[in-house]
Amino acid sequence: MRAARPGSRWSGGRVLRRHRYTAYLRSDAWFRRRERWHAEYLETTGTDPVCAVCGRAWRLDRDDLHHRSYNHLGDEHHWDLTPLCRADHAALHALWDACPSWRRLGRAQATDGIIAILRRRPERRQP
């Protein structure tokens, strides 16, 4: 489970939700959902997925799916998930955690904005 932001005070409910989320990410159900997402992507686009930030080939065995929304957790819609390499997923969460204004936007809108910023980084890796 990701640690609390520096200086934040998580409520008991927030801690419980984070534990449930962490357990879900380790579950067979999540691994099956990831596999289904990958198959849906291939079927819909006819191409392999790429990281939404750097464009590197996204692989089921090494990369992450970022939740744009928790509204359907456990029954995520295809568009609730965004493919990210591990490095760019960590960078997205670092920006999300560093600035309360991102969190005020809402998760989906903040995700889009942070991805746009990360794409403009000069040190961005090329696929």
N, C-alpha and C. Protein backbone atom coordinates (compact mmCIF):
# COMPACT_ATOMS: atom_id res chain seq x y z
N MET A 1 0.85 -1.18 0.00
CA MET A 1 0.00 0.00 0.00
C MET A 1 0.89 1.23 0.00
N ARG A 2 0.53 2.19 -0.84
CA ARG A 2 1.25 3.46 -0.89
C ARG A 2 1.08 4.17 0.44
N ALA A 3 2.13 4.79 0.90
CA ALA A 3 2.08 5.52 2.17
C ALA A 3 1.26 6.79 2.03
N ALA A 4 0.80 7.30 3.14
CA ALA A 4 0.05 8.56 3.15
C ALA A 4 0.96 9.69 2.67
N ARG A 5 0.35 10.72 2.08
CA ARG A 5 1.11 11.89 1.68
C ARG A 5 1.74 12.51 2.92
N PRO A 6 2.92 13.10 2.78
CA PRO A 6 3.52 13.76 3.94
C PRO A 6 2.59 14.82 4.51
N GLY A 7 2.37 14.76 5.80
CA GLY A 7 1.52 15.73 6.48
C GLY A 7 0.04 15.43 6.45
N SER A 8 -0.36 14.38 5.72
CA SER A 8 -1.79 14.08 5.67
C SER A 8 -2.19 13.25 6.88
N ARG A 9 -3.46 13.33 7.21
CA ARG A 9 -4.00 12.53 8.31
C ARG A 9 -5.12 11.70 7.73
N TRP A 10 -4.83 10.45 7.49
CA TRP A 10 -5.82 9.57 6.91
C TRP A 10 -6.82 9.14 7.97
N SER A 11 -8.08 9.15 7.61
CA SER A 11 -9.12 8.68 8.51
C SER A 11 -9.07 7.16 8.58
N GLY A 12 -9.72 6.62 9.59
CA GLY A 12 -9.81 5.16 9.70
C GLY A 12 -10.47 4.55 8.48
N GLY A 13 -11.49 5.23 7.94
CA GLY A 13 -12.16 4.75 6.73
C GLY A 13 -11.23 4.74 5.53
N ARG A 14 -10.40 5.76 5.42
CA ARG A 14 -9.45 5.84 4.30
C ARG A 14 -8.43 4.71 4.40
N VAL A 15 -7.94 4.46 5.59
CA VAL A 15 -6.97 3.37 5.79
C VAL A 15 -7.61 2.03 5.41
N LEU A 16 -8.85 1.82 5.83
CA LEU A 16 -9.55 0.58 5.51
C LEU A 16 -9.75 0.44 4.00
N ARG A 17 -10.15 1.52 3.32
CA ARG A 17 -10.32 1.47 1.86
C ARG A 17 -9.00 1.17 1.17
N ARG A 18 -7.89 1.75 1.65
CA ARG A 18 -6.57 1.49 1.05
C ARG A 18 -6.17 0.03 1.24
N HIS A 19 -6.46 -0.54 2.41
CA HIS A 19 -6.15 -1.96 2.63
C HIS A 19 -6.96 -2.85 1.70
N ARG A 20 -8.24 -2.52 1.53
CA ARG A 20 -9.08 -3.30 0.61
C ARG A 20 -8.58 -3.19 -0.82
N TYR A 21 -8.19 -1.99 -1.22
CA TYR A 21 -7.67 -1.76 -2.56
C TYR A 21 -6.38 -2.55 -2.79
N THR A 22 -5.50 -2.51 -1.81
CA THR A 22 -4.25 -3.26 -1.91
C THR A 22 -4.52 -4.75 -2.02
N ALA A 23 -5.45 -5.26 -1.24
CA ALA A 23 -5.81 -6.68 -1.32
C ALA A 23 -6.38 -7.00 -2.70
N TYR A 24 -7.19 -6.10 -3.25
CA TYR A 24 -7.75 -6.32 -4.58
C TYR A 24 -6.65 -6.39 -5.63
N LEU A 25 -5.66 -5.48 -5.55
CA LEU A 25 -4.57 -5.47 -6.53
C LEU A 25 -3.72 -6.74 -6.47
N ARG A 26 -3.78 -7.45 -5.39
CA ARG A 26 -3.03 -8.71 -5.25
C ARG A 26 -3.90 -9.93 -5.55
N SER A 27 -5.15 -9.72 -5.89
CA SER A 27 -6.10 -10.82 -6.05
C SER A 27 -6.07 -11.42 -7.46
N ASP A 28 -6.56 -12.65 -7.55
CA ASP A 28 -6.73 -13.29 -8.85
C ASP A 28 -7.72 -12.51 -9.71
N ALA A 29 -8.74 -11.91 -9.08
CA ALA A 29 -9.74 -11.14 -9.82
C ALA A 29 -9.08 -9.98 -10.57
N TRP A 30 -8.13 -9.29 -9.92
CA TRP A 30 -7.45 -8.16 -10.58
C TRP A 30 -6.57 -8.67 -11.72
N PHE A 31 -5.88 -9.78 -11.51
CA PHE A 31 -5.03 -10.30 -12.58
C PHE A 31 -5.87 -10.75 -13.77
N ARG A 32 -7.04 -11.32 -13.51
CA ARG A 32 -7.95 -11.68 -14.60
C ARG A 32 -8.47 -10.43 -15.31
N ARG A 33 -8.77 -9.38 -14.54
CA ARG A 33 -9.25 -8.14 -15.16
C ARG A 33 -8.19 -7.53 -16.03
N ARG A 34 -6.94 -7.56 -15.57
CA ARG A 34 -5.83 -7.04 -16.38
C ARG A 34 -5.73 -7.82 -17.71
N GLU A 35 -5.83 -9.13 -17.62
CA GLU A 35 -5.76 -9.96 -18.83
C GLU A 35 -6.93 -9.65 -19.77
N ARG A 36 -8.12 -9.46 -19.20
CA ARG A 36 -9.29 -9.13 -20.01
C ARG A 36 -9.12 -7.75 -20.64
N TRP A 37 -8.59 -6.79 -19.88
CA TRP A 37 -8.35 -5.45 -20.42
C TRP A 37 -7.42 -5.55 -21.63
N HIS A 38 -6.35 -6.31 -21.47
CA HIS A 38 -5.36 -6.46 -22.55
C HIS A 38 -6.02 -7.08 -23.79
N ALA A 39 -6.81 -8.12 -23.61
CA ALA A 39 -7.50 -8.76 -24.73
C ALA A 39 -8.48 -7.79 -25.39
N GLU A 40 -9.21 -7.01 -24.58
CA GLU A 40 -10.15 -6.03 -25.12
C GLU A 40 -9.41 -4.97 -25.94
N TYR A 41 -8.27 -4.54 -25.44
CA TYR A 41 -7.48 -3.53 -26.14
C TYR A 41 -7.05 -4.06 -27.50
N LEU A 42 -6.50 -5.28 -27.51
CA LEU A 42 -6.04 -5.88 -28.77
C LEU A 42 -7.20 -6.02 -29.75
N GLU A 43 -8.34 -6.48 -29.25
CA GLU A 43 -9.50 -6.68 -30.12
C GLU A 43 -10.04 -5.36 -30.67
N THR A 44 -10.06 -4.33 -29.83
CA THR A 44 -10.62 -3.04 -30.23
C THR A 44 -9.70 -2.29 -31.18
N THR A 45 -8.40 -2.28 -30.90
CA THR A 45 -7.48 -1.45 -31.67
C THR A 45 -6.70 -2.22 -32.73
N GLY A 46 -6.55 -3.52 -32.52
CA GLY A 46 -5.74 -4.31 -33.45
C GLY A 46 -4.25 -4.13 -33.24
N THR A 47 -3.86 -3.43 -32.18
CA THR A 47 -2.45 -3.20 -31.88
C THR A 47 -2.19 -3.49 -30.41
N ASP A 48 -0.93 -3.64 -30.09
CA ASP A 48 -0.55 -3.80 -28.69
C ASP A 48 -0.65 -2.46 -27.98
N PRO A 49 -0.99 -2.47 -26.69
CA PRO A 49 -1.05 -1.20 -25.94
C PRO A 49 0.34 -0.62 -25.73
N VAL A 50 0.37 0.69 -25.52
CA VAL A 50 1.61 1.40 -25.21
C VAL A 50 1.37 2.25 -23.97
N CYS A 51 2.45 2.60 -23.28
CA CYS A 51 2.36 3.50 -22.14
C CYS A 51 1.77 4.82 -22.60
N ALA A 52 0.79 5.33 -21.87
CA ALA A 52 0.12 6.58 -22.24
C ALA A 52 1.04 7.79 -22.14
N VAL A 53 2.18 7.64 -21.48
CA VAL A 53 3.12 8.76 -21.34
C VAL A 53 4.26 8.64 -22.34
N CYS A 54 5.04 7.58 -22.25
CA CYS A 54 6.27 7.49 -23.05
C CYS A 54 6.10 6.76 -24.37
N GLY A 55 5.00 6.03 -24.54
CA GLY A 55 4.77 5.32 -25.79
C GLY A 55 5.48 4.00 -25.92
N ARG A 56 6.19 3.59 -24.87
CA ARG A 56 6.87 2.30 -24.90
C ARG A 56 5.83 1.19 -24.89
N ALA A 57 6.13 0.07 -25.54
CA ALA A 57 5.22 -1.07 -25.57
C ALA A 57 4.85 -1.46 -24.14
N TRP A 58 3.55 -1.57 -23.90
CA TRP A 58 3.04 -1.95 -22.58
C TRP A 58 2.92 -3.46 -22.53
N ARG A 59 3.45 -4.04 -21.43
CA ARG A 59 3.39 -5.50 -21.31
C ARG A 59 2.65 -5.88 -20.04
N LEU A 60 1.81 -6.87 -20.19
CA LEU A 60 0.98 -7.37 -19.10
C LEU A 60 1.81 -7.85 -17.92
N ASP A 61 2.98 -8.41 -18.19
CA ASP A 61 3.78 -9.00 -17.11
C ASP A 61 4.69 -8.02 -16.38
N ARG A 62 4.80 -6.78 -16.87
CA ARG A 62 5.74 -5.86 -16.22
C ARG A 62 5.18 -4.48 -15.94
N ASP A 63 4.07 -4.12 -16.56
CA ASP A 63 3.59 -2.74 -16.48
C ASP A 63 2.28 -2.64 -15.71
N ASP A 64 1.78 -1.43 -15.55
CA ASP A 64 0.64 -1.16 -14.67
C ASP A 64 -0.56 -0.64 -15.46
N LEU A 65 -1.73 -0.84 -14.88
CA LEU A 65 -2.95 -0.18 -15.33
C LEU A 65 -3.34 0.79 -14.23
N HIS A 66 -3.41 2.05 -14.57
CA HIS A 66 -3.77 3.09 -13.61
C HIS A 66 -5.29 3.24 -13.59
N HIS A 67 -5.87 3.28 -12.41
CA HIS A 67 -7.31 3.50 -12.26
C HIS A 67 -7.62 4.98 -12.41
N ARG A 68 -8.31 5.34 -13.49
CA ARG A 68 -8.78 6.72 -13.70
C ARG A 68 -9.95 7.02 -12.78
N SER A 69 -10.60 5.97 -12.31
CA SER A 69 -11.76 6.11 -11.44
C SER A 69 -11.85 4.86 -10.56
N TYR A 70 -12.36 5.05 -9.37
CA TYR A 70 -12.62 3.91 -8.49
C TYR A 70 -14.12 3.60 -8.44
N ASN A 71 -14.90 4.23 -9.30
CA ASN A 71 -16.35 4.06 -9.27
C ASN A 71 -16.80 2.63 -9.54
N HIS A 72 -16.02 1.89 -10.31
CA HIS A 72 -16.40 0.53 -10.68
C HIS A 72 -15.36 -0.48 -10.20
N LEU A 73 -14.69 -0.18 -9.11
CA LEU A 73 -13.63 -1.04 -8.61
C LEU A 73 -14.13 -2.47 -8.45
N GLY A 74 -13.42 -3.40 -9.04
CA GLY A 74 -13.82 -4.80 -9.04
C GLY A 74 -14.64 -5.17 -10.26
N ASP A 75 -15.14 -4.16 -10.96
CA ASP A 75 -15.90 -4.36 -12.20
C ASP A 75 -15.59 -3.18 -13.13
N GLU A 76 -14.29 -2.88 -13.26
CA GLU A 76 -13.84 -1.70 -14.00
C GLU A 76 -14.29 -1.76 -15.46
N HIS A 77 -14.69 -0.60 -15.97
CA HIS A 77 -14.93 -0.46 -17.40
C HIS A 77 -13.57 -0.34 -18.08
N HIS A 78 -13.53 -0.68 -19.33
CA HIS A 78 -12.27 -0.62 -20.09
C HIS A 78 -11.63 0.77 -19.98
N TRP A 79 -12.44 1.82 -20.09
CA TRP A 79 -11.92 3.19 -20.09
C TRP A 79 -11.58 3.71 -18.69
N ASP A 80 -11.87 2.93 -17.65
CA ASP A 80 -11.46 3.30 -16.29
C ASP A 80 -9.97 3.06 -16.07
N LEU A 81 -9.32 2.34 -16.99
CA LEU A 81 -7.94 1.92 -16.81
C LEU A 81 -7.06 2.50 -17.91
N THR A 82 -5.88 2.98 -17.51
CA THR A 82 -4.92 3.58 -18.44
C THR A 82 -3.60 2.84 -18.35
N PRO A 83 -3.06 2.39 -19.48
CA PRO A 83 -1.78 1.66 -19.45
C PRO A 83 -0.60 2.61 -19.21
N LEU A 84 0.22 2.27 -18.23
CA LEU A 84 1.41 3.05 -17.92
C LEU A 84 2.56 2.11 -17.59
N CYS A 85 3.77 2.46 -18.04
CA CYS A 85 4.94 1.71 -17.58
C CYS A 85 5.12 2.03 -16.10
N ARG A 86 5.87 1.20 -15.41
CA ARG A 86 6.03 1.39 -13.95
C ARG A 86 6.62 2.75 -13.61
N ALA A 87 7.63 3.18 -14.37
CA ALA A 87 8.28 4.46 -14.06
C ALA A 87 7.30 5.62 -14.21
N ASP A 88 6.52 5.62 -15.28
CA ASP A 88 5.58 6.72 -15.49
C ASP A 88 4.39 6.63 -14.53
N HIS A 89 4.01 5.43 -14.11
CA HIS A 89 2.96 5.30 -13.10
C HIS A 89 3.44 5.90 -11.78
N ALA A 90 4.68 5.61 -11.42
CA ALA A 90 5.24 6.19 -10.18
C ALA A 90 5.33 7.71 -10.29
N ALA A 91 5.73 8.22 -11.46
CA ALA A 91 5.83 9.67 -11.66
C ALA A 91 4.45 10.32 -11.57
N LEU A 92 3.43 9.69 -12.13
CA LEU A 92 2.07 10.21 -12.05
C LEU A 92 1.63 10.32 -10.59
N HIS A 93 1.87 9.26 -9.81
CA HIS A 93 1.46 9.30 -8.40
C HIS A 93 2.28 10.29 -7.60
N ALA A 94 3.54 10.50 -7.96
CA ALA A 94 4.36 11.49 -7.25
C ALA A 94 3.77 12.89 -7.44
N LEU A 95 3.35 13.22 -8.67
CA LEU A 95 2.73 14.52 -8.90
C LEU A 95 1.36 14.62 -8.22
N TRP A 96 0.58 13.56 -8.32
CA TRP A 96 -0.75 13.52 -7.67
C TRP A 96 -0.61 13.77 -6.17
N ASP A 97 0.37 13.10 -5.55
CA ASP A 97 0.56 13.21 -4.10
C ASP A 97 1.15 14.55 -3.68
N ALA A 98 1.88 15.19 -4.58
CA ALA A 98 2.58 16.42 -4.23
C ALA A 98 1.69 17.66 -4.26
N CYS A 99 0.55 17.59 -4.92
CA CYS A 99 -0.21 18.81 -5.13
C CYS A 99 -1.71 18.59 -4.89
N PRO A 100 -2.26 19.19 -3.83
CA PRO A 100 -3.69 19.02 -3.54
C PRO A 100 -4.61 19.49 -4.67
N SER A 101 -4.16 20.43 -5.49
CA SER A 101 -5.03 20.93 -6.56
C SER A 101 -5.36 19.83 -7.58
N TRP A 102 -4.45 18.88 -7.77
CA TRP A 102 -4.77 17.75 -8.66
C TRP A 102 -5.93 16.94 -8.09
N ARG A 103 -5.87 16.69 -6.81
CA ARG A 103 -6.92 15.87 -6.19
C ARG A 103 -8.28 16.57 -6.23
N ARG A 104 -8.29 17.89 -6.20
CA ARG A 104 -9.56 18.61 -6.27
C ARG A 104 -10.21 18.50 -7.65
N LEU A 105 -9.41 18.24 -8.67
CA LEU A 105 -9.96 18.10 -10.02
C LEU A 105 -10.78 16.82 -10.20
N GLY A 106 -10.46 15.83 -9.41
CA GLY A 106 -11.06 14.51 -9.62
C GLY A 106 -10.04 13.62 -10.31
N ARG A 107 -10.17 12.36 -10.07
CA ARG A 107 -9.14 11.41 -10.49
C ARG A 107 -8.97 11.33 -12.02
N ALA A 108 -10.05 11.25 -12.76
CA ALA A 108 -9.93 11.11 -14.22
C ALA A 108 -9.33 12.36 -14.85
N GLN A 109 -9.83 13.53 -14.48
CA GLN A 109 -9.31 14.77 -15.06
C GLN A 109 -7.86 15.01 -14.63
N ALA A 110 -7.54 14.72 -13.39
CA ALA A 110 -6.16 14.87 -12.93
C ALA A 110 -5.24 13.92 -13.67
N THR A 111 -5.70 12.69 -13.88
CA THR A 111 -4.89 11.72 -14.62
C THR A 111 -4.55 12.27 -16.00
N ASP A 112 -5.53 12.80 -16.72
CA ASP A 112 -5.30 13.35 -18.05
C ASP A 112 -4.31 14.51 -18.01
N GLY A 113 -4.48 15.40 -17.04
CA GLY A 113 -3.58 16.55 -16.93
C GLY A 113 -2.15 16.15 -16.58
N ILE A 114 -2.00 15.23 -15.66
CA ILE A 114 -0.65 14.81 -15.26
C ILE A 114 0.02 14.07 -16.41
N ILE A 115 -0.72 13.23 -17.12
CA ILE A 115 -0.14 12.54 -18.28
C ILE A 115 0.35 13.56 -19.31
N ALA A 116 -0.43 14.61 -19.55
CA ALA A 116 -0.01 15.65 -20.50
C ALA A 116 1.29 16.31 -20.05
N ILE A 117 1.41 16.59 -18.76
CA ILE A 117 2.64 17.19 -18.24
C ILE A 117 3.82 16.23 -18.38
N LEU A 118 3.61 14.98 -18.02
CA LEU A 118 4.70 14.00 -18.10
C LEU A 118 5.17 13.79 -19.54
N ARG A 119 4.28 13.90 -20.49
CA ARG A 119 4.66 13.75 -21.90
C ARG A 119 5.60 14.85 -22.36
N ARG A 120 5.51 16.01 -21.71
CA ARG A 120 6.34 17.15 -22.10
C ARG A 120 7.69 17.19 -21.41
N ARG A 121 7.97 16.24 -20.53
CA ARG A 121 9.26 16.24 -19.83
C ARG A 121 10.40 16.12 -20.84
N PRO A 122 11.45 16.92 -20.66
CA PRO A 122 12.57 16.83 -21.59
C PRO A 122 13.30 15.48 -21.50
N GLU A 123 13.30 14.89 -20.33
CA GLU A 123 14.03 13.62 -20.16
C GLU A 123 13.17 12.41 -20.54
N ARG A 124 11.98 12.67 -21.10
CA ARG A 124 11.07 11.58 -21.45
C ARG A 124 11.76 10.58 -22.37
N ARG A 125 11.58 9.32 -22.03
CA ARG A 125 12.16 8.24 -22.83
C ARG A 125 11.39 8.08 -24.13
N GLN A 126 12.05 7.67 -25.14
CA GLN A 126 11.40 7.37 -26.41
C GLN A 126 11.15 5.87 -26.49
N PRO A 127 10.05 5.48 -27.17
CA PRO A 127 9.74 4.03 -27.28
C PRO A 127 10.81 3.28 -28.04
